[in-house]
Amino acid sequence: MSKVVLMMALLRLLSGSIEISAALLMLRFNQIEKALVINSSLALVGPIILIATTTIGLVGLSDKLSAGKFVWVLAGVTCLMIGILKK
């Protein structure tokens, strides 16, 4: 098994676990204000996991990608992040 794929999968499992834990906390507190705070904190976790997972994947592919293709991938990730974080 590829170490790069394993690390990417572990990060996604961590992200999913955080999401499930947040949902359980919302149910436990049963208050709209606290649920909004928890939900807002998840808005930080998602992009961080996305960036980390993409970075690990790109590092794993760096020896197989030409410089031009690498620039296109980075441009695509940048567009994704702008779309996600722009309000």
Protein backbone atom coordinates (compact mmCIF):
# COMPACT_ATOMS: atom_id res chain seq x y z
CA MET A 1 0.00 0.00 0.00
CA SER A 2 1.26 3.43 -0.94
CA LYS A 3 2.24 5.62 2.01
CA VAL A 4 0.88 8.67 0.21
CA VAL A 5 -2.55 7.08 -0.30
CA LEU A 6 -2.54 5.84 3.31
CA MET A 7 -1.81 9.34 4.64
CA MET A 8 -4.51 10.87 2.44
CA ALA A 9 -7.04 8.28 3.61
CA LEU A 10 -6.09 8.79 7.26
CA LEU A 11 -6.59 12.54 6.94
CA ARG A 12 -10.04 11.96 5.42
CA LEU A 13 -10.90 9.52 8.23
CA LEU A 14 -9.80 12.16 10.73
CA SER A 15 -11.95 14.74 8.98
CA GLY A 16 -14.97 12.43 9.02
CA SER A 17 -14.43 11.66 12.70
CA ILE A 18 -14.32 15.36 13.51
CA GLU A 19 -17.56 15.90 11.57
CA ILE A 20 -19.33 13.06 13.40
CA SER A 21 -18.03 14.28 16.76
CA ALA A 22 -19.30 17.78 15.98
CA ALA A 23 -22.75 16.42 15.11
CA LEU A 24 -22.87 14.47 18.37
CA LEU A 25 -21.84 17.57 20.33
CA MET A 26 -24.61 19.55 18.67
CA LEU A 27 -27.13 16.91 19.72
CA ARG A 28 -25.71 16.76 23.24
CA PHE A 29 -25.82 20.52 23.83
CA ASN A 30 -29.20 20.90 22.12
CA GLN A 31 -28.79 24.69 21.84
CA ILE A 32 -28.85 26.66 18.60
CA GLU A 33 -26.12 29.06 19.70
CA LYS A 34 -23.68 26.29 20.59
CA ALA A 35 -24.56 24.34 17.44
CA LEU A 36 -23.70 27.41 15.35
CA VAL A 37 -20.36 27.79 17.11
CA ILE A 38 -19.56 24.11 16.50
CA ASN A 39 -20.64 24.40 12.87
CA SER A 40 -18.51 27.50 12.39
CA SER A 41 -15.45 25.70 13.73
CA LEU A 42 -16.00 23.00 11.10
CA ALA A 43 -15.68 25.69 8.43
CA LEU A 44 -12.01 25.93 9.41
CA VAL A 45 -11.36 22.19 9.53
CA GLY A 46 -12.68 21.38 6.04
CA PRO A 47 -10.35 23.64 4.02
CA ILE A 48 -7.36 22.71 6.17
CA ILE A 49 -7.96 18.99 5.53
CA LEU A 50 -8.50 19.71 1.82
CA ILE A 51 -5.21 21.60 1.56
CA ALA A 52 -3.30 18.98 3.54
CA THR A 53 -4.69 16.05 1.55
CA THR A 54 -4.08 17.79 -1.77
CA THR A 55 -0.56 18.73 -0.74
CA ILE A 56 0.27 15.15 0.21
CA GLY A 57 -1.13 13.93 -3.11
CA LEU A 58 0.81 16.51 -5.09
CA VAL A 59 4.04 15.67 -3.30
CA GLY A 60 3.41 12.03 -4.12
CA LEU A 61 2.90 12.91 -7.79
CA SER A 62 5.66 15.49 -8.05
CA ASP A 63 8.08 13.10 -9.73
CA LYS A 64 5.44 12.14 -12.35
CA LEU A 65 4.13 15.62 -13.21
CA SER A 66 5.80 18.03 -15.59
CA ALA A 67 6.25 21.60 -14.42
CA GLY A 68 3.43 22.79 -16.69
CA LYS A 69 0.95 20.23 -15.37
CA PHE A 70 1.98 21.02 -11.81
CA VAL A 71 1.17 24.70 -12.40
CA TRP A 72 -2.27 23.74 -13.79
CA VAL A 73 -3.00 21.59 -10.74
CA LEU A 74 -1.95 24.40 -8.39
CA ALA A 75 -4.11 26.85 -10.33
CA GLY A 76 -7.08 24.49 -9.98
CA VAL A 77 -6.55 24.10 -6.23
CA THR A 78 -6.25 27.87 -5.91
CA CYS A 79 -9.55 28.33 -7.74
CA LEU A 80 -11.17 25.78 -5.43
CA MET A 81 -9.93 27.58 -2.34
CA ILE A 82 -11.09 30.97 -3.63
CA GLY A 83 -14.51 29.50 -4.34
CA ILE A 84 -14.74 27.88 -0.92
CA LEU A 85 -13.43 30.75 1.16
CA LYS A 86 -14.94 33.67 -0.77
CA LYS A 87 -18.14 34.98 0.78
